[in-house]
Amino acid sequence: MAETYPINIWINEERFNSLQNAGLGKLLKEELAGMKVLIVPCTAEQRDKVLQLFPMAKYDAATTKSIELLPKKVKDQIYDMVVKKKSLDVMDDFIKLVEKG
């Protein structure tokens, strides 16, 4: 399997309930004292495109190997797409949506 470059979206209680209702609760990972995180995978090509579209974002190659510093609005949009699609496979659709403007 190809290496992935995640976008981590921290999940509060309200979002947790929405994910549970959508049948996606099993996709969450517990981190940091029981806090839950939704890990949305990106390919290397998707990672590079996200970093190009959002210059404030950074790829943390040293520690987490994840895409960091995306604006809350962007992460909210990705989260909404995951819930709507009931899948973590949303990054191609997200990138196309952003490119359309």
PDB file of N, CA and C in Angstrom:
ATOM      1  N   MET A   1       0.840  -1.191   0.000  1.00  0.00           N
ATOM      2  CA  MET A   1       0.000   0.000   0.000  1.00  0.00           C
ATOM      3  C   MET A   1       0.882   1.251   0.000  1.00  0.00           C
ATOM      4  N   ALA A   2       0.475   2.233  -0.748  1.00  0.00           N
ATOM      5  CA  ALA A   2       1.248   3.466  -0.853  1.00  0.00           C
ATOM      6  C   ALA A   2       1.207   4.232   0.464  1.00  0.00           C
ATOM      7  N   GLU A   3       2.265   4.978   0.699  1.00  0.00           N
ATOM      8  CA  GLU A   3       2.319   5.797   1.910  1.00  0.00           C
ATOM      9  C   GLU A   3       1.248   6.884   1.850  1.00  0.00           C
ATOM     10  N   THR A   4       0.656   7.180   3.003  1.00  0.00           N
ATOM     11  CA  THR A   4      -0.351   8.237   3.052  1.00  0.00           C
ATOM     12  C   THR A   4       0.132   9.379   3.926  1.00  0.00           C
ATOM     13  N   TYR A   5      -0.447  10.540   3.682  1.00  0.00           N
ATOM     14  CA  TYR A   5      -0.089  11.764   4.376  1.00  0.00           C
ATOM     15  C   TYR A   5      -1.385  12.334   4.942  1.00  0.00           C
ATOM     16  N   PRO A   6      -1.648  12.106   6.215  1.00  0.00           N
ATOM     17  CA  PRO A   6      -2.965  12.427   6.765  1.00  0.00           C
ATOM     18  C   PRO A   6      -3.203  13.898   7.073  1.00  0.00           C
ATOM     19  N   ILE A   7      -4.494  14.219   7.059  1.00  0.00           N
ATOM     20  CA  ILE A   7      -5.001  15.460   7.624  1.00  0.00           C
ATOM     21  C   ILE A   7      -5.780  15.027   8.856  1.00  0.00           C
ATOM     22  N   ASN A   8      -5.371  15.502  10.017  1.00  0.00           N
ATOM     23  CA  ASN A   8      -6.007  15.120  11.276  1.00  0.00           C
ATOM     24  C   ASN A   8      -7.068  16.149  11.648  1.00  0.00           C
ATOM     25  N   ILE A   9      -8.288  15.645  11.870  1.00  0.00           N
ATOM     26  CA  ILE A   9      -9.396  16.510  12.260  1.00  0.00           C
ATOM     27  C   ILE A   9      -9.862  16.063  13.643  1.00  0.00           C
ATOM     28  N   TRP A  10      -9.676  16.926  14.626  1.00  0.00           N
ATOM     29  CA  TRP A  10     -10.076  16.602  15.998  1.00  0.00           C
ATOM     30  C   TRP A  10     -11.590  16.629  16.090  1.00  0.00           C
ATOM     31  N   ILE A  11     -12.138  15.668  16.808  1.00  0.00           N
ATOM     32  CA  ILE A  11     -13.581  15.462  16.854  1.00  0.00           C
ATOM     33  C   ILE A  11     -14.121  15.764  18.244  1.00  0.00           C
ATOM     34  N   ASN A  12     -15.071  16.711  18.290  1.00  0.00           N
ATOM     35  CA  ASN A  12     -15.744  17.023  19.553  1.00  0.00           C
ATOM     36  C   ASN A  12     -16.952  16.095  19.710  1.00  0.00           C
ATOM     37  N   GLU A  13     -17.679  16.234  20.801  1.00  0.00           N
ATOM     38  CA  GLU A  13     -18.808  15.349  21.100  1.00  0.00           C
ATOM     39  C   GLU A  13     -19.904  15.434  20.035  1.00  0.00           C
ATOM     40  N   GLU A  14     -20.207  16.649  19.590  1.00  0.00           N
ATOM     41  CA  GLU A  14     -21.245  16.837  18.575  1.00  0.00           C
ATOM     42  C   GLU A  14     -20.874  16.131  17.273  1.00  0.00           C
ATOM     43  N   ARG A  15     -19.646  16.338  16.844  1.00  0.00           N
ATOM     44  CA  ARG A  15     -19.186  15.686  15.620  1.00  0.00           C
ATOM     45  C   ARG A  15     -19.102  14.179  15.799  1.00  0.00           C
ATOM     46  N   PHE A  16     -18.710  13.743  16.979  1.00  0.00           N
ATOM     47  CA  PHE A  16     -18.645  12.311  17.259  1.00  0.00           C
ATOM     48  C   PHE A  16     -20.029  11.697  17.057  1.00  0.00           C
ATOM     49  N   ASN A  17     -21.060  12.355  17.577  1.00  0.00           N
ATOM     50  CA  ASN A  17     -22.427  11.846  17.428  1.00  0.00           C
ATOM     51  C   ASN A  17     -22.840  11.815  15.957  1.00  0.00           C
ATOM     52  N   SER A  18     -22.471  12.836  15.193  1.00  0.00           N
ATOM     53  CA  SER A  18     -22.796  12.864  13.761  1.00  0.00           C
ATOM     54  C   SER A  18     -22.112  11.715  13.025  1.00  0.00           C
ATOM     55  N   LEU A  19     -20.861  11.465  13.373  1.00  0.00           N
ATOM     56  CA  LEU A  19     -20.136  10.359  12.735  1.00  0.00           C
ATOM     57  C   LEU A  19     -20.745   9.016  13.127  1.00  0.00           C
ATOM     58  N   GLN A  20     -21.109   8.880  14.381  1.00  0.00           N
ATOM     59  CA  GLN A  20     -21.753   7.645  14.841  1.00  0.00           C
ATOM     60  C   GLN A  20     -23.057   7.430  14.064  1.00  0.00           C
ATOM     61  N   ASN A  21     -23.871   8.477  13.939  1.00  0.00           N
ATOM     62  CA  ASN A  21     -25.146   8.380  13.227  1.00  0.00           C
ATOM     63  C   ASN A  21     -24.958   8.037  11.750  1.00  0.00           C
ATOM     64  N   ALA A  22     -23.846   8.454  11.181  1.00  0.00           N
ATOM     65  CA  ALA A  22     -23.544   8.157   9.779  1.00  0.00           C
ATOM     66  C   ALA A  22     -22.868   6.796   9.622  1.00  0.00           C
ATOM     67  N   GLY A  23     -22.662   6.093  10.751  1.00  0.00           N
ATOM     68  CA  GLY A  23     -22.014   4.784  10.700  1.00  0.00           C
ATOM     69  C   GLY A  23     -20.508   4.863  10.523  1.00  0.00           C
ATOM     70  N   LEU A  24     -19.923   6.018  10.872  1.00  0.00           N
ATOM     71  CA  LEU A  24     -18.491   6.233  10.662  1.00  0.00           C
ATOM     72  C   LEU A  24     -17.688   6.275  11.960  1.00  0.00           C
ATOM     73  N   GLY A  25     -18.312   5.976  13.090  1.00  0.00           N
ATOM     74  CA  GLY A  25     -17.620   6.045  14.375  1.00  0.00           C
ATOM     75  C   GLY A  25     -16.382   5.173  14.434  1.00  0.00           C
ATOM     76  N   LYS A  26     -16.402   4.073  13.699  1.00  0.00           N
ATOM     77  CA  LYS A  26     -15.266   3.147  13.707  1.00  0.00           C
ATOM     78  C   LYS A  26     -14.017   3.719  13.023  1.00  0.00           C
ATOM     79  N   LEU A  27     -14.187   4.817  12.297  1.00  0.00           N
ATOM     80  CA  LEU A  27     -13.057   5.434  11.595  1.00  0.00           C
ATOM     81  C   LEU A  27     -12.197   6.300  12.507  1.00  0.00           C
ATOM     82  N   LEU A  28     -12.699   6.587  13.702  1.00  0.00           N
ATOM     83  CA  LEU A  28     -11.977   7.476  14.616  1.00  0.00           C
ATOM     84  C   LEU A  28     -10.873   6.733  15.342  1.00  0.00           C
ATOM     85  N   LYS A  29      -9.844   7.492  15.660  1.00  0.00           N
ATOM     86  CA  LYS A  29      -8.727   6.965  16.437  1.00  0.00           C
ATOM     87  C   LYS A  29      -8.651   7.784  17.724  1.00  0.00           C
ATOM     88  N   GLU A  30      -8.391   7.098  18.833  1.00  0.00           N
ATOM     89  CA  GLU A  30      -8.235   7.823  20.096  1.00  0.00           C
ATOM     90  C   GLU A  30      -6.802   8.273  20.258  1.00  0.00           C
ATOM     91  N   GLU A  31      -6.643   9.521  20.632  1.00  0.00           N
ATOM     92  CA  GLU A  31      -5.334  10.134  20.855  1.00  0.00           C
ATOM     93  C   GLU A  31      -5.405  10.916  22.157  1.00  0.00           C
ATOM     94  N   LEU A  32      -4.312  11.388  22.637  1.00  0.00           N
ATOM     95  CA  LEU A  32      -4.223  12.361  23.714  1.00  0.00           C
ATOM     96  C   LEU A  32      -5.363  12.316  24.735  1.00  0.00           C
ATOM     97  N   ALA A  33      -5.230  11.494  25.722  1.00  0.00           N
ATOM     98  CA  ALA A  33      -6.176  11.432  26.848  1.00  0.00           C
ATOM     99  C   ALA A  33      -7.619  11.217  26.407  1.00  0.00           C
ATOM    100  N   GLY A  34      -7.822  10.350  25.448  1.00  0.00           N
ATOM    101  CA  GLY A  34      -9.168   9.998  25.033  1.00  0.00           C
ATOM    102  C   GLY A  34      -9.790  10.886  23.976  1.00  0.00           C
ATOM    103  N   MET A  35      -9.095  11.939  23.552  1.00  0.00           N
ATOM    104  CA  MET A  35      -9.646  12.778  22.472  1.00  0.00           C
ATOM    105  C   MET A  35      -9.648  11.957  21.185  1.00  0.00           C
ATOM    106  N   LYS A  36     -10.644  12.207  20.358  1.00  0.00           N
ATOM    107  CA  LYS A  36     -10.785  11.453  19.127  1.00  0.00           C
ATOM    108  C   LYS A  36     -10.353  12.289  17.929  1.00  0.00           C
ATOM    109  N   VAL A  37      -9.783  11.595  16.956  1.00  0.00           N
ATOM    110  CA  VAL A  37      -9.326  12.262  15.748  1.00  0.00           C
ATOM    111  C   VAL A  37      -9.778  11.461  14.530  1.00  0.00           C
ATOM    112  N   LEU A  38     -10.204  12.189  13.509  1.00  0.00           N
ATOM    113  CA  LEU A  38     -10.538  11.597  12.224  1.00  0.00           C
ATOM    114  C   LEU A  38      -9.320  11.809  11.336  1.00  0.00           C
ATOM    115  N   ILE A  39      -8.771  10.731  10.835  1.00  0.00           N
ATOM    116  CA  ILE A  39      -7.548  10.808  10.034  1.00  0.00           C
ATOM    117  C   ILE A  39      -7.922  10.622   8.565  1.00  0.00           C
ATOM    118  N   VAL A  40      -7.856  11.709   7.808  1.00  0.00           N
ATOM    119  CA  VAL A  40      -8.216  11.688   6.392  1.00  0.00           C
ATOM    120  C   VAL A  40      -6.928  11.536   5.581  1.00  0.00           C
ATOM    121  N   PRO A  41      -6.786  10.411   4.886  1.00  0.00           N
ATOM    122  CA  PRO A  41      -5.537  10.160   4.167  1.00  0.00           C
ATOM    123  C   PRO A  41      -5.435  10.933   2.848  1.00  0.00           C
ATOM    124  N   CYS A  42      -4.207  11.298   2.513  1.00  0.00           N
ATOM    125  CA  CYS A  42      -3.893  11.921   1.226  1.00  0.00           C
ATOM    126  C   CYS A  42      -2.759  11.139   0.584  1.00  0.00           C
ATOM    127  N   THR A  43      -2.779  11.062  -0.727  1.00  0.00           N
ATOM    128  CA  THR A  43      -1.630  10.526  -1.456  1.00  0.00           C
ATOM    129  C   THR A  43      -0.577  11.631  -1.521  1.00  0.00           C
ATOM    130  N   ALA A  44       0.592  11.295  -1.992  1.00  0.00           N
ATOM    131  CA  ALA A  44       1.643  12.311  -2.145  1.00  0.00           C
ATOM    132  C   ALA A  44       1.185  13.413  -3.104  1.00  0.00           C
ATOM    133  N   GLU A  45       0.510  13.028  -4.179  1.00  0.00           N
ATOM    134  CA  GLU A  45       0.020  14.008  -5.156  1.00  0.00           C
ATOM    135  C   GLU A  45      -1.032  14.923  -4.527  1.00  0.00           C
ATOM    136  N   GLN A  46      -1.961  14.341  -3.750  1.00  0.00           N
ATOM    137  CA  GLN A  46      -2.983  15.149  -3.074  1.00  0.00           C
ATOM    138  C   GLN A  46      -2.345  16.074  -2.047  1.00  0.00           C
ATOM    139  N   ARG A  47      -1.371  15.562  -1.298  1.00  0.00           N
ATOM    140  CA  ARG A  47      -0.665  16.386  -0.306  1.00  0.00           C
ATOM    141  C   ARG A  47      -0.050  17.602  -0.979  1.00  0.00           C
ATOM    142  N   ASP A  48       0.650  17.370  -2.077  1.00  0.00           N
ATOM    143  CA  ASP A  48       1.307  18.475  -2.779  1.00  0.00           C
ATOM    144  C   ASP A  48       0.292  19.493  -3.298  1.00  0.00           C
ATOM    145  N   LYS A  49      -0.842  19.012  -3.776  1.00  0.00           N
ATOM    146  CA  LYS A  49      -1.880  19.905  -4.293  1.00  0.00           C
ATOM    147  C   LYS A  49      -2.490  20.726  -3.153  1.00  0.00           C
ATOM    148  N   VAL A  50      -2.762  20.089  -2.005  1.00  0.00           N
ATOM    149  CA  VAL A  50      -3.305  20.801  -0.842  1.00  0.00           C
ATOM    150  C   VAL A  50      -2.332  21.884  -0.392  1.00  0.00           C
ATOM    151  N   LEU A  51      -1.062  21.555  -0.343  1.00  0.00           N
ATOM    152  CA  LEU A  51      -0.052  22.534   0.075  1.00  0.00           C
ATOM    153  C   LEU A  51       0.063  23.681  -0.919  1.00  0.00           C
ATOM    154  N   GLN A  52      -0.176  23.403  -2.176  1.00  0.00           N
ATOM    155  CA  GLN A  52      -0.164  24.456  -3.204  1.00  0.00           C
ATOM    156  C   GLN A  52      -1.403  25.346  -3.070  1.00  0.00           C
ATOM    157  N   LEU A  53      -2.566  24.731  -2.827  1.00  0.00           N
ATOM    158  CA  LEU A  53      -3.814  25.490  -2.720  1.00  0.00           C
ATOM    159  C   LEU A  53      -3.892  26.316  -1.440  1.00  0.00           C
ATOM    160  N   PHE A  54      -3.236  25.825  -0.383  1.00  0.00           N
ATOM    161  CA  PHE A  54      -3.275  26.494   0.920  1.00  0.00           C
ATOM    162  C   PHE A  54      -1.843  26.726   1.401  1.00  0.00           C
ATOM    163  N   PRO A  55      -1.216  27.821   0.948  1.00  0.00           N
ATOM    164  CA  PRO A  55       0.197  28.069   1.243  1.00  0.00           C
ATOM    165  C   PRO A  55       0.513  28.198   2.734  1.00  0.00           C
ATOM    166  N   MET A  56      -0.492  28.470   3.574  1.00  0.00           N
ATOM    167  CA  MET A  56      -0.240  28.566   5.014  1.00  0.00           C
ATOM    168  C   MET A  56      -0.054  27.185   5.640  1.00  0.00           C
ATOM    169  N   ALA A  57      -0.500  26.143   4.969  1.00  0.00           N
ATOM    170  CA  ALA A  57      -0.372  24.771   5.480  1.00  0.00           C
ATOM    171  C   ALA A  57       1.068  24.293   5.332  1.00  0.00           C
ATOM    172  N   LYS A  58       1.412  23.355   6.162  1.00  0.00           N
ATOM    173  CA  LYS A  58       2.768  22.786   6.148  1.00  0.00           C
ATOM    174  C   LYS A  58       2.670  21.276   6.242  1.00  0.00           C
ATOM    175  N   TYR A  59       3.661  20.597   5.686  1.00  0.00           N
ATOM    176  CA  TYR A  59       3.776  19.157   5.846  1.00  0.00           C
ATOM    177  C   TYR A  59       4.830  18.909   6.914  1.00  0.00           C
ATOM    178  N   ASP A  60       4.451  18.223   7.978  1.00  0.00           N
ATOM    179  CA  ASP A  60       5.363  17.928   9.087  1.00  0.00           C
ATOM    180  C   ASP A  60       6.107  16.635   8.783  1.00  0.00           C
ATOM    181  N   ALA A  61       7.232  16.753   8.109  1.00  0.00           N
ATOM    182  CA  ALA A  61       8.017  15.577   7.733  1.00  0.00           C
ATOM    183  C   ALA A  61       8.804  15.015   8.908  1.00  0.00           C
ATOM    184  N   ALA A  62       9.032  15.825   9.916  1.00  0.00           N
ATOM    185  CA  ALA A  62       9.886  15.406  11.032  1.00  0.00           C
ATOM    186  C   ALA A  62       9.184  14.507  12.038  1.00  0.00           C
ATOM    187  N   THR A  63       7.952  14.818  12.406  1.00  0.00           N
ATOM    188  CA  THR A  63       7.325  14.062  13.486  1.00  0.00           C
ATOM    189  C   THR A  63       6.046  13.349  13.063  1.00  0.00           C
ATOM    190  N   THR A  64       4.982  14.084  12.797  1.00  0.00           N
ATOM    191  CA  THR A  64       3.672  13.456  12.578  1.00  0.00           C
ATOM    192  C   THR A  64       3.465  12.926  11.163  1.00  0.00           C
ATOM    193  N   LYS A  65       4.271  13.382  10.218  1.00  0.00           N
ATOM    194  CA  LYS A  65       4.106  13.013   8.806  1.00  0.00           C
ATOM    195  C   LYS A  65       2.698  13.360   8.319  1.00  0.00           C
ATOM    196  N   SER A  66       2.184  14.496   8.798  1.00  0.00           N
ATOM    197  CA  SER A  66       0.830  14.903   8.443  1.00  0.00           C
ATOM    198  C   SER A  66       0.826  16.336   7.919  1.00  0.00           C
ATOM    199  N   ILE A  67      -0.304  16.701   7.317  1.00  0.00           N
ATOM    200  CA  ILE A  67      -0.500  18.055   6.818  1.00  0.00           C
ATOM    201  C   ILE A  67      -1.078  18.880   7.961  1.00  0.00           C
ATOM    202  N   GLU A  68      -0.394  19.941   8.317  1.00  0.00           N
ATOM    203  CA  GLU A  68      -0.762  20.756   9.473  1.00  0.00           C
ATOM    204  C   GLU A  68      -1.093  22.181   9.051  1.00  0.00           C
ATOM    205  N   LEU A  69      -1.699  22.922   9.963  1.00  0.00           N
ATOM    206  CA  LEU A  69      -1.969  24.356   9.845  1.00  0.00           C
ATOM    207  C   LEU A  69      -2.978  24.724   8.760  1.00  0.00           C
ATOM    208  N   LEU A  70      -3.859  23.778   8.417  1.00  0.00           N
ATOM    209  CA  LEU A  70      -4.950  24.136   7.514  1.00  0.00           C
ATOM    210  C   LEU A  70      -5.970  24.963   8.293  1.00  0.00           C
ATOM    211  N   PRO A  71      -6.584  25.938   7.663  1.00  0.00           N
ATOM    212  CA  PRO A  71      -7.601  26.735   8.353  1.00  0.00           C
ATOM    213  C   PRO A  71      -8.775  25.858   8.808  1.00  0.00           C
ATOM    214  N   LYS A  72      -9.414  26.282   9.888  1.00  0.00           N
ATOM    215  CA  LYS A  72     -10.562  25.549  10.434  1.00  0.00           C
ATOM    216  C   LYS A  72     -11.630  25.353   9.374  1.00  0.00           C
ATOM    217  N   LYS A  73     -11.888  26.381   8.579  1.00  0.00           N
ATOM    218  CA  LYS A  73     -12.901  26.316   7.524  1.00  0.00           C
ATOM    219  C   LYS A  73     -12.606  25.168   6.545  1.00  0.00           C
ATOM    220  N   VAL A  74     -11.347  24.982   6.227  1.00  0.00           N
ATOM    221  CA  VAL A  74     -10.937  23.922   5.304  1.00  0.00           C
ATOM    222  C   VAL A  74     -11.183  22.557   5.935  1.00  0.00           C
ATOM    223  N   LYS A  75     -10.774  22.403   7.189  1.00  0.00           N
ATOM    224  CA  LYS A  75     -10.987  21.128   7.872  1.00  0.00           C
ATOM    225  C   LYS A  75     -12.475  20.844   8.051  1.00  0.00           C
ATOM    226  N   ASP A  76     -13.257  21.889   8.306  1.00  0.00           N
ATOM    227  CA  ASP A  76     -14.705  21.715   8.421  1.00  0.00           C
ATOM    228  C   ASP A  76     -15.292  21.210   7.104  1.00  0.00           C
ATOM    229  N   GLN A  77     -14.821  21.749   6.005  1.00  0.00           N
ATOM    230  CA  GLN A  77     -15.287  21.335   4.683  1.00  0.00           C
ATOM    231  C   GLN A  77     -14.940  19.868   4.423  1.00  0.00           C
ATOM    232  N   ILE A  78     -13.724  19.471   4.760  1.00  0.00           N
ATOM    233  CA  ILE A  78     -13.301  18.078   4.573  1.00  0.00           C
ATOM    234  C   ILE A  78     -14.155  17.162   5.451  1.00  0.00           C
ATOM    235  N   TYR A  79     -14.356  17.548   6.704  1.00  0.00           N
ATOM    236  CA  TYR A  79     -15.191  16.768   7.621  1.00  0.00           C
ATOM    237  C   TYR A  79     -16.595  16.590   7.036  1.00  0.00           C
ATOM    238  N   ASP A  80     -17.201  17.683   6.566  1.00  0.00           N
ATOM    239  CA  ASP A  80     -18.550  17.612   6.004  1.00  0.00           C
ATOM    240  C   ASP A  80     -18.602  16.652   4.815  1.00  0.00           C
ATOM    241  N   MET A  81     -17.562  16.655   3.992  1.00  0.00           N
ATOM    242  CA  MET A  81     -17.521  15.752   2.841  1.00  0.00           C
ATOM    243  C   MET A  81     -17.424  14.298   3.287  1.00  0.00           C
ATOM    244  N   VAL A  82     -16.655  14.036   4.337  1.00  0.00           N
ATOM    245  CA  VAL A  82     -16.540  12.671   4.864  1.00  0.00           C
ATOM    246  C   VAL A  82     -17.906  12.176   5.327  1.00  0.00           C
ATOM    247  N   VAL A  83     -18.623  13.010   6.075  1.00  0.00           N
ATOM    248  CA  VAL A  83     -19.937  12.614   6.592  1.00  0.00           C
ATOM    249  C   VAL A  83     -20.916  12.403   5.437  1.00  0.00           C
ATOM    250  N   LYS A  84     -20.921  13.319   4.481  1.00  0.00           N
ATOM    251  CA  LYS A  84     -21.855  13.223   3.355  1.00  0.00           C
ATOM    252  C   LYS A  84     -21.580  11.978   2.514  1.00  0.00           C
ATOM    253  N   LYS A  85     -20.307  11.731   2.239  1.00  0.00           N
ATOM    254  CA  LYS A  85     -19.911  10.610   1.385  1.00  0.00           C
ATOM    255  C   LYS A  85     -19.836   9.290   2.169  1.00  0.00           C
ATOM    256  N   LYS A  86     -19.800   9.395   3.501  1.00  0.00           N
ATOM    257  CA  LYS A  86     -19.645   8.228   4.388  1.00  0.00           C
ATOM    258  C   LYS A  86     -18.397   7.429   4.035  1.00  0.00           C
ATOM    259  N   SER A  87     -17.325   8.203   3.780  1.00  0.00           N
ATOM    260  CA  SER A  87     -16.049   7.609   3.378  1.00  0.00           C
ATOM    261  C   SER A  87     -14.922   8.599   3.662  1.00  0.00           C
ATOM    262  N   LEU A  88     -13.739   8.049   3.902  1.00  0.00           N
ATOM    263  CA  LEU A  88     -12.561   8.905   4.055  1.00  0.00           C
ATOM    264  C   LEU A  88     -11.963   9.290   2.708  1.00  0.00           C
ATOM    265  N   ASP A  89     -12.426   8.687   1.645  1.00  0.00           N
ATOM    266  CA  ASP A  89     -11.897   8.922   0.300  1.00  0.00           C
ATOM    267  C   ASP A  89     -12.551  10.172  -0.305  1.00  0.00           C
ATOM    268  N   VAL A  90     -12.148  11.339   0.186  1.00  0.00           N
ATOM    269  CA  VAL A  90     -12.786  12.591  -0.249  1.00  0.00           C
ATOM    270  C   VAL A  90     -11.813  13.604  -0.837  1.00  0.00           C
ATOM    271  N   MET A  91     -10.538  13.354  -0.760  1.00  0.00           N
ATOM    272  CA  MET A  91      -9.581  14.412  -1.101  1.00  0.00           C
ATOM    273  C   MET A  91      -9.588  14.799  -2.576  1.00  0.00           C
ATOM    274  N   ASP A  92      -9.793  13.860  -3.487  1.00  0.00           N
ATOM    275  CA  ASP A  92      -9.872  14.243  -4.904  1.00  0.00           C
ATOM    276  C   ASP A  92     -11.056  15.178  -5.131  1.00  0.00           C
ATOM    277  N   ASP A  93     -12.214  14.834  -4.531  1.00  0.00           N
ATOM    278  CA  ASP A  93     -13.403  15.678  -4.673  1.00  0.00           C
ATOM    279  C   ASP A  93     -13.182  17.038  -4.018  1.00  0.00           C
ATOM    280  N   PHE A  94     -12.531  17.049  -2.852  1.00  0.00           N
ATOM    281  CA  PHE A  94     -12.266  18.300  -2.159  1.00  0.00           C
ATOM    282  C   PHE A  94     -11.365  19.205  -3.011  1.00  0.00           C
ATOM    283  N   ILE A  95     -10.311  18.658  -3.545  1.00  0.00           N
ATOM    284  CA  ILE A  95      -9.377  19.435  -4.358  1.00  0.00           C
ATOM    285  C   ILE A  95     -10.084  20.002  -5.592  1.00  0.00           C
ATOM    286  N   LYS A  96     -10.908  19.194  -6.254  1.00  0.00           N
ATOM    287  CA  LYS A  96     -11.654  19.678  -7.429  1.00  0.00           C
ATOM    288  C   LYS A  96     -12.582  20.821  -7.046  1.00  0.00           C
ATOM    289  N   LEU A  97     -13.227  20.701  -5.909  1.00  0.00           N
ATOM    290  CA  LEU A  97     -14.146  21.746  -5.430  1.00  0.00           C
ATOM    291  C   LEU A  97     -13.405  23.060  -5.176  1.00  0.00           C
ATOM    292  N   VAL A  98     -12.255  22.980  -4.529  1.00  0.00           N
ATOM    293  CA  VAL A  98     -11.471  24.171  -4.237  1.00  0.00           C
ATOM    294  C   VAL A  98     -10.939  24.801  -5.529  1.00  0.00           C
ATOM    295  N   GLU A  99     -10.509  23.966  -6.461  1.00  0.00           N
ATOM    296  CA  GLU A  99      -9.965  24.492  -7.715  1.00  0.00           C
ATOM    297  C   GLU A  99     -11.043  25.208  -8.534  1.00  0.00           C
ATOM    298  N   LYS A 100     -12.280  24.745  -8.443  1.00  0.00           N
ATOM    299  CA  LYS A 100     -13.381  25.399  -9.155  1.00  0.00           C
ATOM    300  C   LYS A 100     -13.638  26.797  -8.596  1.00  0.00           C
ATOM    301  N   GLY A 101     -13.335  26.939  -7.290  1.00  0.00           N
ATOM    302  CA  GLY A 101     -13.512  28.245  -6.654  1.00  0.00           C
ATOM    303  C   GLY A 101     -14.893  28.390  -6.163  1.00  0.00           C
TER     304      GLY A 101
END
